Amino acid sequence: MTRQNEAADPPRGGIDPVAALIGACHHFATHIDVLADQLSAVGVVGLSTADAERVSDAITRAFTANRWPAP
C-alpha cells in the first residue's frame, strides 16, 4: 500500500484515523483549558512574552506534525 492509496483503504481495526486525530485535538484542547484555569486560580493573569512564545511554539509543533508529503 502506498501513501497515495491510504485514503481509499478502509481503516485498520475499525478506527478512523481522522476521527482519532480529531478526538486527540479535542482532548488536547481540554487539557489547555484545564491548565489555563489552574493558572488563573493561582493568580496568573497573563503569560510573560517568553512563556507565551514557548506555548505558541509548542502548539505550532503539535499541529504541524504532518508526516505526509504535500500534494
PDB file of N, CA and C in Angstrom:
ATOM      1  N   MET A   1       0.854  -1.173   0.000  1.00  0.00           N
ATOM      2  CA  MET A   1       0.000   0.000   0.000  1.00  0.00           C
ATOM      3  C   MET A   1       0.900   1.236   0.000  1.00  0.00           C
ATOM      4  N   THR A   2       0.576   2.181  -0.833  1.00  0.00           N
ATOM      5  CA  THR A   2       1.331   3.427  -0.879  1.00  0.00           C
ATOM      6  C   THR A   2       0.561   4.510  -0.165  1.00  0.00           C
ATOM      7  N   ARG A   3       1.241   5.579   0.174  1.00  0.00           N
ATOM      8  CA  ARG A   3       0.567   6.706   0.835  1.00  0.00           C
ATOM      9  C   ARG A   3      -0.556   7.249  -0.043  1.00  0.00           C
ATOM     10  N   GLN A   4      -0.377   7.208  -1.346  1.00  0.00           N
ATOM     11  CA  GLN A   4      -1.383   7.711  -2.263  1.00  0.00           C
ATOM     12  C   GLN A   4      -2.689   6.933  -2.118  1.00  0.00           C
ATOM     13  N   ASN A   5      -2.603   5.651  -1.814  1.00  0.00           N
ATOM     14  CA  ASN A   5      -3.793   4.814  -1.725  1.00  0.00           C
ATOM     15  C   ASN A   5      -4.385   4.740  -0.322  1.00  0.00           C
ATOM     16  N   GLU A   6      -3.707   5.267   0.668  1.00  0.00           N
ATOM     17  CA  GLU A   6      -4.161   5.117   2.045  1.00  0.00           C
ATOM     18  C   GLU A   6      -5.555   5.669   2.279  1.00  0.00           C
ATOM     19  N   ALA A   7      -5.870   6.817   1.719  1.00  0.00           N
ATOM     20  CA  ALA A   7      -7.173   7.434   1.990  1.00  0.00           C
ATOM     21  C   ALA A   7      -8.319   6.561   1.491  1.00  0.00           C
ATOM     22  N   ALA A   8      -8.095   5.791   0.447  1.00  0.00           N
ATOM     23  CA  ALA A   8      -9.153   4.957  -0.110  1.00  0.00           C
ATOM     24  C   ALA A   8      -9.268   3.630   0.615  1.00  0.00           C
ATOM     25  N   ASP A   9      -8.244   3.238   1.341  1.00  0.00           N
ATOM     26  CA  ASP A   9      -8.261   1.966   2.045  1.00  0.00           C
ATOM     27  C   ASP A   9      -9.115   2.073   3.298  1.00  0.00           C
ATOM     28  N   PRO A  10      -9.796   0.988   3.688  1.00  0.00           N
ATOM     29  CA  PRO A  10     -10.607   1.034   4.906  1.00  0.00           C
ATOM     30  C   PRO A  10      -9.720   1.193   6.144  1.00  0.00           C
ATOM     31  N   PRO A  11     -10.229   1.837   7.178  1.00  0.00           N
ATOM     32  CA  PRO A  11      -9.456   1.986   8.406  1.00  0.00           C
ATOM     33  C   PRO A  11      -9.102   0.628   9.000  1.00  0.00           C
ATOM     34  N   ARG A  12      -7.923   0.554   9.570  1.00  0.00           N
ATOM     35  CA  ARG A  12      -7.481  -0.682  10.223  1.00  0.00           C
ATOM     36  C   ARG A  12      -8.113  -0.798  11.591  1.00  0.00           C
ATOM     37  N   GLY A  13      -8.588  -1.977  11.912  1.00  0.00           N
ATOM     38  CA  GLY A  13      -9.155  -2.209  13.237  1.00  0.00           C
ATOM     39  C   GLY A  13     -10.409  -1.414  13.510  1.00  0.00           C
ATOM     40  N   GLY A  14     -11.058  -0.913  12.461  1.00  0.00           N
ATOM     41  CA  GLY A  14     -12.288  -0.171  12.651  1.00  0.00           C
ATOM     42  C   GLY A  14     -12.089   1.237  13.191  1.00  0.00           C
ATOM     43  N   ILE A  15     -10.858   1.697  13.267  1.00  0.00           N
ATOM     44  CA  ILE A  15     -10.593   3.039  13.794  1.00  0.00           C
ATOM     45  C   ILE A  15     -10.360   3.985  12.625  1.00  0.00           C
ATOM     46  N   ASP A  16     -11.173   5.012  12.540  1.00  0.00           N
ATOM     47  CA  ASP A  16     -10.993   6.031  11.514  1.00  0.00           C
ATOM     48  C   ASP A  16      -9.880   6.963  11.979  1.00  0.00           C
ATOM     49  N   PRO A  17      -8.754   7.006  11.255  1.00  0.00           N
ATOM     50  CA  PRO A  17      -7.623   7.824  11.707  1.00  0.00           C
ATOM     51  C   PRO A  17      -7.946   9.311  11.813  1.00  0.00           C
ATOM     52  N   VAL A  18      -8.785   9.816  10.929  1.00  0.00           N
ATOM     53  CA  VAL A  18      -9.137  11.235  11.000  1.00  0.00           C
ATOM     54  C   VAL A  18      -9.965  11.502  12.256  1.00  0.00           C
ATOM     55  N   ALA A  19     -10.906  10.608  12.548  1.00  0.00           N
ATOM     56  CA  ALA A  19     -11.709  10.757  13.761  1.00  0.00           C
ATOM     57  C   ALA A  19     -10.823  10.664  15.003  1.00  0.00           C
ATOM     58  N   ALA A  20      -9.830   9.782  14.968  1.00  0.00           N
ATOM     59  CA  ALA A  20      -8.906   9.651  16.093  1.00  0.00           C
ATOM     60  C   ALA A  20      -8.091  10.931  16.273  1.00  0.00           C
ATOM     61  N   LEU A  21      -7.654  11.534  15.172  1.00  0.00           N
ATOM     62  CA  LEU A  21      -6.900  12.784  15.247  1.00  0.00           C
ATOM     63  C   LEU A  21      -7.764  13.905  15.799  1.00  0.00           C
ATOM     64  N   ILE A  22      -9.013  13.973  15.347  1.00  0.00           N
ATOM     65  CA  ILE A  22      -9.935  14.992  15.857  1.00  0.00           C
ATOM     66  C   ILE A  22     -10.166  14.791  17.352  1.00  0.00           C
ATOM     67  N   GLY A  23     -10.342  13.546  17.762  1.00  0.00           N
ATOM     68  CA  GLY A  23     -10.513  13.254  19.183  1.00  0.00           C
ATOM     69  C   GLY A  23      -9.304  13.668  19.998  1.00  0.00           C
ATOM     70  N   ALA A  24      -8.114  13.408  19.467  1.00  0.00           N
ATOM     71  CA  ALA A  24      -6.882  13.806  20.169  1.00  0.00           C
ATOM     72  C   ALA A  24      -6.792  15.328  20.281  1.00  0.00           C
ATOM     73  N   CYS A  25      -7.202  16.037  19.237  1.00  0.00           N
ATOM     74  CA  CYS A  25      -7.180  17.505  19.274  1.00  0.00           C
ATOM     75  C   CYS A  25      -8.152  18.043  20.321  1.00  0.00           C
ATOM     76  N   HIS A  26      -9.344  17.445  20.403  1.00  0.00           N
ATOM     77  CA  HIS A  26     -10.312  17.868  21.424  1.00  0.00           C
ATOM     78  C   HIS A  26      -9.757  17.587  22.831  1.00  0.00           C
ATOM     79  N   HIS A  27      -9.121  16.435  22.994  1.00  0.00           N
ATOM     80  CA  HIS A  27      -8.520  16.074  24.275  1.00  0.00           C
ATOM     81  C   HIS A  27      -7.426  17.078  24.641  1.00  0.00           C
ATOM     82  N   PHE A  28      -6.596  17.424  23.672  1.00  0.00           N
ATOM     83  CA  PHE A  28      -5.521  18.402  23.858  1.00  0.00           C
ATOM     84  C   PHE A  28      -6.109  19.749  24.278  1.00  0.00           C
ATOM     85  N   ALA A  29      -7.171  20.182  23.590  1.00  0.00           N
ATOM     86  CA  ALA A  29      -7.803  21.464  23.900  1.00  0.00           C
ATOM     87  C   ALA A  29      -8.370  21.466  25.317  1.00  0.00           C
ATOM     88  N   THR A  30      -8.921  20.334  25.751  1.00  0.00           N
ATOM     89  CA  THR A  30      -9.449  20.217  27.111  1.00  0.00           C
ATOM     90  C   THR A  30      -8.331  20.408  28.129  1.00  0.00           C
ATOM     91  N   HIS A  31      -7.186  19.799  27.878  1.00  0.00           N
ATOM     92  CA  HIS A  31      -6.045  19.973  28.784  1.00  0.00           C
ATOM     93  C   HIS A  31      -5.587  21.425  28.832  1.00  0.00           C
ATOM     94  N   ILE A  32      -5.585  22.091  27.688  1.00  0.00           N
ATOM     95  CA  ILE A  32      -5.193  23.506  27.645  1.00  0.00           C
ATOM     96  C   ILE A  32      -6.149  24.329  28.504  1.00  0.00           C
ATOM     97  N   ASP A  33      -7.453  24.066  28.378  1.00  0.00           N
ATOM     98  CA  ASP A  33      -8.448  24.795  29.186  1.00  0.00           C
ATOM     99  C   ASP A  33      -8.230  24.564  30.682  1.00  0.00           C
ATOM    100  N   VAL A  34      -7.981  23.314  31.065  1.00  0.00           N
ATOM    101  CA  VAL A  34      -7.764  22.984  32.478  1.00  0.00           C
ATOM    102  C   VAL A  34      -6.515  23.695  33.004  1.00  0.00           C
ATOM    103  N   LEU A  35      -5.436  23.656  32.238  1.00  0.00           N
ATOM    104  CA  LEU A  35      -4.203  24.317  32.678  1.00  0.00           C
ATOM    105  C   LEU A  35      -4.385  25.832  32.770  1.00  0.00           C
ATOM    106  N   ALA A  36      -5.116  26.420  31.835  1.00  0.00           N
ATOM    107  CA  ALA A  36      -5.383  27.854  31.890  1.00  0.00           C
ATOM    108  C   ALA A  36      -6.196  28.196  33.132  1.00  0.00           C
ATOM    109  N   ASP A  37      -7.182  27.354  33.450  1.00  0.00           N
ATOM    110  CA  ASP A  37      -7.976  27.569  34.673  1.00  0.00           C
ATOM    111  C   ASP A  37      -7.095  27.471  35.918  1.00  0.00           C
ATOM    112  N   GLN A  38      -6.165  26.513  35.925  1.00  0.00           N
ATOM    113  CA  GLN A  38      -5.266  26.363  37.080  1.00  0.00           C
ATOM    114  C   GLN A  38      -4.364  27.583  37.231  1.00  0.00           C
ATOM    115  N   LEU A  39      -3.852  28.098  36.108  1.00  0.00           N
ATOM    116  CA  LEU A  39      -3.027  29.306  36.175  1.00  0.00           C
ATOM    117  C   LEU A  39      -3.840  30.483  36.709  1.00  0.00           C
ATOM    118  N   SER A  40      -5.061  30.603  36.245  1.00  0.00           N
ATOM    119  CA  SER A  40      -5.927  31.682  36.700  1.00  0.00           C
ATOM    120  C   SER A  40      -6.221  31.554  38.195  1.00  0.00           C
ATOM    121  N   ALA A  41      -6.414  30.323  38.667  1.00  0.00           N
ATOM    122  CA  ALA A  41      -6.747  30.076  40.074  1.00  0.00           C
ATOM    123  C   ALA A  41      -5.608  30.476  41.009  1.00  0.00           C
ATOM    124  N   VAL A  42      -4.376  30.411  40.536  1.00  0.00           N
ATOM    125  CA  VAL A  42      -3.246  30.785  41.391  1.00  0.00           C
ATOM    126  C   VAL A  42      -2.826  32.239  41.166  1.00  0.00           C
ATOM    127  N   GLY A  43      -3.644  32.972  40.408  1.00  0.00           N
ATOM    128  CA  GLY A  43      -3.395  34.400  40.263  1.00  0.00           C
ATOM    129  C   GLY A  43      -2.565  34.805  39.063  1.00  0.00           C
ATOM    130  N   VAL A  44      -2.263  33.885  38.174  1.00  0.00           N
ATOM    131  CA  VAL A  44      -1.517  34.252  36.976  1.00  0.00           C
ATOM    132  C   VAL A  44      -2.510  34.846  35.990  1.00  0.00           C
ATOM    133  N   VAL A  45      -2.369  36.136  35.740  1.00  0.00           N
ATOM    134  CA  VAL A  45      -3.313  36.832  34.869  1.00  0.00           C
ATOM    135  C   VAL A  45      -2.938  36.642  33.409  1.00  0.00           C
ATOM    136  N   GLY A  46      -1.675  36.677  33.123  1.00  0.00           N
ATOM    137  CA  GLY A  46      -1.206  36.517  31.749  1.00  0.00           C
ATOM    138  C   GLY A  46       0.174  35.896  31.737  1.00  0.00           C
ATOM    139  N   LEU A  47       0.560  35.421  30.595  1.00  0.00           N
ATOM    140  CA  LEU A  47       1.885  34.831  30.464  1.00  0.00           C
ATOM    141  C   LEU A  47       2.881  35.912  30.065  1.00  0.00           C
ATOM    142  N   SER A  48       4.121  35.711  30.487  1.00  0.00           N
ATOM    143  CA  SER A  48       5.167  36.618  30.030  1.00  0.00           C
ATOM    144  C   SER A  48       5.334  36.423  28.526  1.00  0.00           C
ATOM    145  N   THR A  49       5.971  37.353  27.869  1.00  0.00           N
ATOM    146  CA  THR A  49       6.196  37.236  26.425  1.00  0.00           C
ATOM    147  C   THR A  49       6.964  35.964  26.103  1.00  0.00           C
ATOM    148  N   ALA A  50       7.985  35.656  26.896  1.00  0.00           N
ATOM    149  CA  ALA A  50       8.792  34.452  26.650  1.00  0.00           C
ATOM    150  C   ALA A  50       7.949  33.184  26.827  1.00  0.00           C
ATOM    151  N   ASP A  51       7.122  33.152  27.880  1.00  0.00           N
ATOM    152  CA  ASP A  51       6.273  31.982  28.107  1.00  0.00           C
ATOM    153  C   ASP A  51       5.220  31.846  27.007  1.00  0.00           C
ATOM    154  N   ALA A  52       4.647  32.964  26.579  1.00  0.00           N
ATOM    155  CA  ALA A  52       3.651  32.928  25.509  1.00  0.00           C
ATOM    156  C   ALA A  52       4.267  32.391  24.221  1.00  0.00           C
ATOM    157  N   GLU A  53       5.504  32.780  23.934  1.00  0.00           N
ATOM    158  CA  GLU A  53       6.202  32.275  22.743  1.00  0.00           C
ATOM    159  C   GLU A  53       6.473  30.780  22.857  1.00  0.00           C
ATOM    160  N   ARG A  54       6.847  30.335  24.056  1.00  0.00           N
ATOM    161  CA  ARG A  54       7.086  28.899  24.252  1.00  0.00           C
ATOM    162  C   ARG A  54       5.814  28.097  24.037  1.00  0.00           C
ATOM    163  N   VAL A  55       4.692  28.587  24.572  1.00  0.00           N
ATOM    164  CA  VAL A  55       3.411  27.898  24.400  1.00  0.00           C
ATOM    165  C   VAL A  55       3.021  27.899  22.926  1.00  0.00           C
ATOM    166  N   SER A  56       3.153  29.037  22.276  1.00  0.00           N
ATOM    167  CA  SER A  56       2.809  29.140  20.859  1.00  0.00           C
ATOM    168  C   SER A  56       3.654  28.189  20.016  1.00  0.00           C
ATOM    169  N   ASP A  57       4.945  28.120  20.300  1.00  0.00           N
ATOM    170  CA  ASP A  57       5.833  27.211  19.566  1.00  0.00           C
ATOM    171  C   ASP A  57       5.420  25.757  19.765  1.00  0.00           C
ATOM    172  N   ALA A  58       5.070  25.390  20.989  1.00  0.00           N
ATOM    173  CA  ALA A  58       4.665  24.013  21.274  1.00  0.00           C
ATOM    174  C   ALA A  58       3.370  23.659  20.547  1.00  0.00           C
ATOM    175  N   ILE A  59       2.417  24.589  20.545  1.00  0.00           N
ATOM    176  CA  ILE A  59       1.151  24.342  19.847  1.00  0.00           C
ATOM    177  C   ILE A  59       1.383  24.236  18.344  1.00  0.00           C
ATOM    178  N   THR A  60       2.222  25.108  17.815  1.00  0.00           N
ATOM    179  CA  THR A  60       2.535  25.056  16.385  1.00  0.00           C
ATOM    180  C   THR A  60       3.156  23.724  16.015  1.00  0.00           C
ATOM    181  N   ARG A  61       4.097  23.251  16.836  1.00  0.00           N
ATOM    182  CA  ARG A  61       4.722  21.945  16.565  1.00  0.00           C
ATOM    183  C   ARG A  61       3.696  20.829  16.611  1.00  0.00           C
ATOM    184  N   ALA A  62       2.779  20.900  17.564  1.00  0.00           N
ATOM    185  CA  ALA A  62       1.765  19.848  17.692  1.00  0.00           C
ATOM    186  C   ALA A  62       0.849  19.803  16.476  1.00  0.00           C
ATOM    187  N   PHE A  63       0.482  20.948  15.969  1.00  0.00           N
ATOM    188  CA  PHE A  63      -0.476  20.978  14.865  1.00  0.00           C
ATOM    189  C   PHE A  63       0.170  20.976  13.493  1.00  0.00           C
ATOM    190  N   THR A  64       1.483  21.007  13.437  1.00  0.00           N
ATOM    191  CA  THR A  64       2.159  20.912  12.137  1.00  0.00           C
ATOM    192  C   THR A  64       2.986  19.637  12.061  1.00  0.00           C
ATOM    193  N   ALA A  65       2.678  18.695  12.930  1.00  0.00           N
ATOM    194  CA  ALA A  65       3.394  17.419  12.942  1.00  0.00           C
ATOM    195  C   ALA A  65       2.880  16.532  11.821  1.00  0.00           C
ATOM    196  N   ASN A  66       2.909  17.066  10.615  1.00  0.00           N
ATOM    197  CA  ASN A  66       2.420  16.348   9.445  1.00  0.00           C
ATOM    198  C   ASN A  66       3.530  15.454   8.919  1.00  0.00           C
ATOM    199  N   ARG A  67       3.246  14.188   8.845  1.00  0.00           N
ATOM    200  CA  ARG A  67       4.242  13.221   8.414  1.00  0.00           C
ATOM    201  C   ARG A  67       4.114  12.888   6.919  1.00  0.00           C
ATOM    202  N   TRP A  68       3.136  13.524   6.256  1.00  0.00           N
ATOM    203  CA  TRP A  68       2.907  13.189   4.860  1.00  0.00           C
ATOM    204  C   TRP A  68       3.420  14.307   3.978  1.00  0.00           C
ATOM    205  N   PRO A  69       3.942  13.947   2.823  1.00  0.00           N
ATOM    206  CA  PRO A  69       4.408  14.997   1.908  1.00  0.00           C
ATOM    207  C   PRO A  69       3.233  15.787   1.350  1.00  0.00           C
ATOM    208  N   ALA A  70       3.493  17.036   1.060  1.00  0.00           N
ATOM    209  CA  ALA A  70       2.452  17.874   0.475  1.00  0.00           C
ATOM    210  C   ALA A  70       2.119  17.375  -0.925  1.00  0.00           C
ATOM    211  N   PRO A  71       0.857  17.492  -1.321  1.00  0.00           N
ATOM    212  CA  PRO A  71       0.469  17.011  -2.663  1.00  0.00           C
ATOM    213  C   PRO A  71       1.084  17.841  -3.758  1.00  0.00           C
TER     214      PRO A  71
END
